[in-house]
PDB file of N, CA and C in Angstrom:
ATOM      1  N   MET A   1      42.184  16.388  46.537  1.00  0.00           N
ATOM      2  CA  MET A   1      41.096  15.908  45.712  1.00  0.00           C
ATOM      3  C   MET A   1      40.386  14.579  45.809  1.00  0.00           C
ATOM      4  N   ALA A   2      40.967  14.019  46.951  1.00  0.00           N
ATOM      5  CA  ALA A   2      40.385  12.539  47.067  1.00  0.00           C
ATOM      6  C   ALA A   2      38.936  12.543  47.323  1.00  0.00           C
ATOM      7  N   ASN A   3      38.330  13.597  48.065  1.00  0.00           N
ATOM      8  CA  ASN A   3      36.854  13.391  48.454  1.00  0.00           C
ATOM      9  C   ASN A   3      36.020  13.969  47.361  1.00  0.00           C
ATOM     10  N   ARG A   4      36.614  14.397  46.117  1.00  0.00           N
ATOM     11  CA  ARG A   4      35.623  14.895  45.198  1.00  0.00           C
ATOM     12  C   ARG A   4      34.790  13.858  44.535  1.00  0.00           C
ATOM     13  N   ALA A   5      34.995  12.622  44.470  1.00  0.00           N
ATOM     14  CA  ALA A   5      34.194  11.677  44.028  1.00  0.00           C
ATOM     15  C   ALA A   5      32.968  11.471  44.954  1.00  0.00           C
ATOM     16  N   ILE A   6      33.147  11.594  46.347  1.00  0.00           N
ATOM     17  CA  ILE A   6      31.797  11.388  47.085  1.00  0.00           C
ATOM     18  C   ILE A   6      31.065  12.588  47.249  1.00  0.00           C
ATOM     19  N   TRP A   7      31.426  13.775  46.946  1.00  0.00           N
ATOM     20  CA  TRP A   7      30.587  14.807  46.800  1.00  0.00           C
ATOM     21  C   TRP A   7      29.289  14.698  46.004  1.00  0.00           C
ATOM     22  N   SER A   8      28.333  14.913  46.421  1.00  0.00           N
ATOM     23  CA  SER A   8      27.192  14.988  45.276  1.00  0.00           C
ATOM     24  C   SER A   8      27.164  16.343  44.591  1.00  0.00           C
ATOM     25  N   MET A   9      26.689  16.690  43.386  1.00  0.00           N
ATOM     26  CA  MET A   9      26.619  17.570  42.488  1.00  0.00           C
ATOM     27  C   MET A   9      25.697  18.854  43.277  1.00  0.00           C
ATOM     28  N   ARG A  10      24.726  18.232  43.904  1.00  0.00           N
ATOM     29  CA  ARG A  10      23.858  19.230  44.432  1.00  0.00           C
ATOM     30  C   ARG A  10      24.488  19.939  45.750  1.00  0.00           C
ATOM     31  N   LYS A  11      25.160  19.120  46.438  1.00  0.00           N
ATOM     32  CA  LYS A  11      25.898  19.540  47.594  1.00  0.00           C
ATOM     33  C   LYS A  11      26.967  20.630  47.327  1.00  0.00           C
ATOM     34  N   ARG A  12      27.748  20.146  46.261  1.00  0.00           N
ATOM     35  CA  ARG A  12      28.692  21.274  45.788  1.00  0.00           C
ATOM     36  C   ARG A  12      28.186  22.560  45.282  1.00  0.00           C
ATOM     37  N   HIS A  13      27.002  22.398  44.628  1.00  0.00           N
ATOM     38  CA  HIS A  13      26.371  23.851  44.325  1.00  0.00           C
ATOM     39  C   HIS A  13      25.821  24.554  45.580  1.00  0.00           C
ATOM     40  N   GLU A  14      25.235  23.704  46.505  1.00  0.00           N
ATOM     41  CA  GLU A  14      24.787  24.481  47.675  1.00  0.00           C
ATOM     42  C   GLU A  14      25.948  25.310  48.436  1.00  0.00           C
ATOM     43  N   TRP A  15      27.251  24.587  48.432  1.00  0.00           N
ATOM     44  CA  TRP A  15      28.155  25.167  49.140  1.00  0.00           C
ATOM     45  C   TRP A  15      28.874  26.389  48.282  1.00  0.00           C
ATOM     46  N   LEU A  16      28.655  26.217  47.046  1.00  0.00           N
ATOM     47  CA  LEU A  16      28.960  27.574  46.145  1.00  0.00           C
ATOM     48  C   LEU A  16      27.928  28.704  46.407  1.00  0.00           C
ATOM     49  N   ALA A  17      26.848  28.290  46.682  1.00  0.00           N
ATOM     50  CA  ALA A  17      25.828  29.320  46.772  1.00  0.00           C
ATOM     51  C   ALA A  17      25.656  30.170  47.919  1.00  0.00           C
ATOM     52  N   THR A  18      26.164  29.561  48.876  1.00  0.00           N
ATOM     53  CA  THR A  18      26.461  30.476  50.384  1.00  0.00           C
ATOM     54  C   THR A  18      27.686  31.380  50.299  1.00  0.00           C
ATOM     55  N   PRO A  19      27.433  32.490  50.450  1.00  0.00           N
ATOM     56  CA  PRO A  19      28.598  33.581  50.244  1.00  0.00           C
ATOM     57  C   PRO A  19      29.700  33.462  51.404  1.00  0.00           C
ATOM     58  N   LEU A  20      30.932  33.599  51.174  1.00  0.00           N
ATOM     59  CA  LEU A  20      31.817  33.495  52.082  1.00  0.00           C
ATOM     60  C   LEU A  20      31.704  34.775  53.150  1.00  0.00           C
ATOM     61  N   LYS A  21      32.182  34.245  54.227  1.00  0.00           N
ATOM     62  CA  LYS A  21      32.259  35.164  55.262  1.00  0.00           C
ATOM     63  C   LYS A  21      33.215  36.189  55.233  1.00  0.00           C
ATOM     64  N   ALA A  22      32.847  37.526  55.331  1.00  0.00           N
ATOM     65  CA  ALA A  22      33.864  38.575  55.280  1.00  0.00           C
ATOM     66  C   ALA A  22      35.087  38.541  56.072  1.00  0.00           C
ATOM     67  N   ARG A  23      36.313  38.639  55.308  1.00  0.00           N
ATOM     68  CA  ARG A  23      37.332  38.642  56.209  1.00  0.00           C
ATOM     69  C   ARG A  23      37.803  39.602  57.179  1.00  0.00           C
ATOM     70  N   ARG A  24      38.068  39.573  58.260  1.00  0.00           N
ATOM     71  CA  ARG A  24      38.711  40.639  58.957  1.00  0.00           C
ATOM     72  C   ARG A  24      39.803  41.034  58.697  1.00  0.00           C
ATOM     73  N   VAL A  25      39.992  42.467  58.243  1.00  0.00           N
ATOM     74  CA  VAL A  25      41.253  42.951  57.764  1.00  0.00           C
ATOM     75  C   VAL A  25      41.662  44.035  58.694  1.00  0.00           C
ATOM     76  N   LYS A  26      42.791  44.029  59.441  1.00  0.00           N
ATOM     77  CA  LYS A  26      43.195  45.431  60.363  1.00  0.00           C
ATOM     78  C   LYS A  26      43.469  46.505  59.503  1.00  0.00           C
ATOM     79  N   ARG A  27      43.334  47.671  60.337  1.00  0.00           N
ATOM     80  CA  ARG A  27      43.467  48.688  59.591  1.00  0.00           C
ATOM     81  C   ARG A  27      44.601  49.102  59.036  1.00  0.00           C
ATOM     82  N   ALA A  28      45.965  48.652  59.749  1.00  0.00           N
ATOM     83  CA  ALA A  28      47.132  48.827  59.256  1.00  0.00           C
ATOM     84  C   ALA A  28      47.289  47.965  57.748  1.00  0.00           C
ATOM     85  N   THR A  29      46.848  47.105  57.532  1.00  0.00           N
ATOM     86  CA  THR A  29      46.883  46.269  56.444  1.00  0.00           C
ATOM     87  C   THR A  29      46.100  46.820  55.224  1.00  0.00           C
ATOM     88  N   ARG A  30      44.912  47.670  55.763  1.00  0.00           N
ATOM     89  CA  ARG A  30      44.110  48.064  54.622  1.00  0.00           C
ATOM     90  C   ARG A  30      44.786  49.493  54.157  1.00  0.00           C
ATOM     91  N   VAL A  31      45.518  50.300  55.287  1.00  0.00           N
ATOM     92  CA  VAL A  31      46.344  51.365  54.776  1.00  0.00           C
ATOM     93  C   VAL A  31      47.290  50.962  53.789  1.00  0.00           C
ATOM     94  N   ARG A  32      48.088  49.750  54.180  1.00  0.00           N
ATOM     95  CA  ARG A  32      49.095  49.590  53.288  1.00  0.00           C
ATOM     96  C   ARG A  32      48.724  49.216  51.772  1.00  0.00           C
ATOM     97  N   CYS A  33      47.510  48.564  51.722  1.00  0.00           N
ATOM     98  CA  CYS A  33      46.888  48.230  50.427  1.00  0.00           C
ATOM     99  C   CYS A  33      46.323  49.318  49.709  1.00  0.00           C
ATOM    100  N   GLY A  34      46.052  50.483  50.376  1.00  0.00           N
ATOM    101  CA  GLY A  34      45.271  51.458  49.802  1.00  0.00           C
ATOM    102  C   GLY A  34      43.689  51.196  49.870  1.00  0.00           C
ATOM    103  N   LEU A  35      43.424  50.560  50.530  1.00  0.00           N
ATOM    104  CA  LEU A  35      41.733  50.150  50.730  1.00  0.00           C
ATOM    105  C   LEU A  35      41.288  51.194  51.769  1.00  0.00           C
ATOM    106  N   GLN A  36      41.933  51.619  52.728  1.00  0.00           N
ATOM    107  CA  GLN A  36      41.220  52.480  53.843  1.00  0.00           C
ATOM    108  C   GLN A  36      41.130  53.932  53.035  1.00  0.00           C
ATOM    109  N   ASP A  37      41.996  54.447  52.214  1.00  0.00           N
ATOM    110  CA  ASP A  37      41.703  55.613  51.462  1.00  0.00           C
ATOM    111  C   ASP A  37      40.377  55.273  50.862  1.00  0.00           C
ATOM    112  N   ALA A  38      40.162  54.358  50.112  1.00  0.00           N
ATOM    113  CA  ALA A  38      38.826  54.036  49.452  1.00  0.00           C
ATOM    114  C   ALA A  38      37.728  54.238  50.512  1.00  0.00           C
ATOM    115  N   ILE A  39      38.018  53.466  51.496  1.00  0.00           N
ATOM    116  CA  ILE A  39      36.736  53.504  52.434  1.00  0.00           C
ATOM    117  C   ILE A  39      36.565  54.884  53.122  1.00  0.00           C
ATOM    118  N   ASP A  40      37.568  55.631  53.122  1.00  0.00           N
ATOM    119  CA  ASP A  40      37.558  57.099  53.888  1.00  0.00           C
ATOM    120  C   ASP A  40      36.796  57.775  52.887  1.00  0.00           C
ATOM    121  N   ARG A  41      37.050  57.742  51.454  1.00  0.00           N
ATOM    122  CA  ARG A  41      36.513  58.458  50.477  1.00  0.00           C
ATOM    123  C   ARG A  41      34.965  58.286  50.430  1.00  0.00           C
ATOM    124  N   LYS A  42      34.514  57.058  50.577  1.00  0.00           N
ATOM    125  CA  LYS A  42      33.322  56.437  50.591  1.00  0.00           C
ATOM    126  C   LYS A  42      32.442  57.122  51.829  1.00  0.00           C
ATOM    127  N   VAL A  43      32.931  56.821  52.981  1.00  0.00           N
ATOM    128  CA  VAL A  43      32.352  57.794  54.137  1.00  0.00           C
ATOM    129  C   VAL A  43      32.233  59.148  54.176  1.00  0.00           C
ATOM    130  N   THR A  44      33.269  59.521  53.713  1.00  0.00           N
ATOM    131  CA  THR A  44      32.891  61.372  53.557  1.00  0.00           C
ATOM    132  C   THR A  44      32.001  61.523  52.292  1.00  0.00           C
ATOM    133  N   LYS A  45      31.738  60.714  51.336  1.00  0.00           N
ATOM    134  CA  LYS A  45      30.821  61.119  50.371  1.00  0.00           C
ATOM    135  C   LYS A  45      29.639  61.109  50.769  1.00  0.00           C
ATOM    136  N   SER A  46      29.299  59.931  51.452  1.00  0.00           N
ATOM    137  CA  SER A  46      27.887  59.573  51.992  1.00  0.00           C
ATOM    138  C   SER A  46      27.699  60.559  53.164  1.00  0.00           C
ATOM    139  N   SER A  47      28.496  61.056  53.918  1.00  0.00           N
ATOM    140  CA  SER A  47      28.023  61.885  54.918  1.00  0.00           C
ATOM    141  C   SER A  47      27.854  63.376  54.523  1.00  0.00           C
ATOM    142  N   SER A  48      28.583  63.729  53.416  1.00  0.00           N
ATOM    143  CA  SER A  48      28.328  64.892  52.605  1.00  0.00           C
ATOM    144  C   SER A  48      26.900  64.921  51.993  1.00  0.00           C
ATOM    145  N   GLU A  49      26.429  63.653  51.500  1.00  0.00           N
ATOM    146  CA  GLU A  49      25.242  63.798  50.836  1.00  0.00           C
ATOM    147  C   GLU A  49      24.251  63.713  51.736  1.00  0.00           C
ATOM    148  N   GLU A  50      24.310  63.351  52.927  1.00  0.00           N
ATOM    149  CA  GLU A  50      23.257  63.255  53.955  1.00  0.00           C
ATOM    150  C   GLU A  50      22.978  64.877  54.536  1.00  0.00           C
ATOM    151  N   SER A  51      24.287  65.607  54.506  1.00  0.00           N
ATOM    152  CA  SER A  51      23.977  66.906  55.040  1.00  0.00           C
ATOM    153  C   SER A  51      23.275  67.851  54.131  1.00  0.00           C
ATOM    154  N   ASN A  52      23.234  67.362  52.865  1.00  0.00           N
ATOM    155  CA  ASN A  52      22.751  68.342  51.748  1.00  0.00           C
ATOM    156  C   ASN A  52      21.454  67.976  51.774  1.00  0.00           C
TER     157      ASN A  52
END
């Protein structure tokens, strides 16, 4: 926290305004956390809607 005083308020808000880069998560990690199931459901739902 030593560099906190030299940051300007405007600069801090600009940094907060930029979205964070999406983190690369390997498939094995997604499966372990249960995220892959949700992604698969989302894909199948959107593909079934397109076919209708």
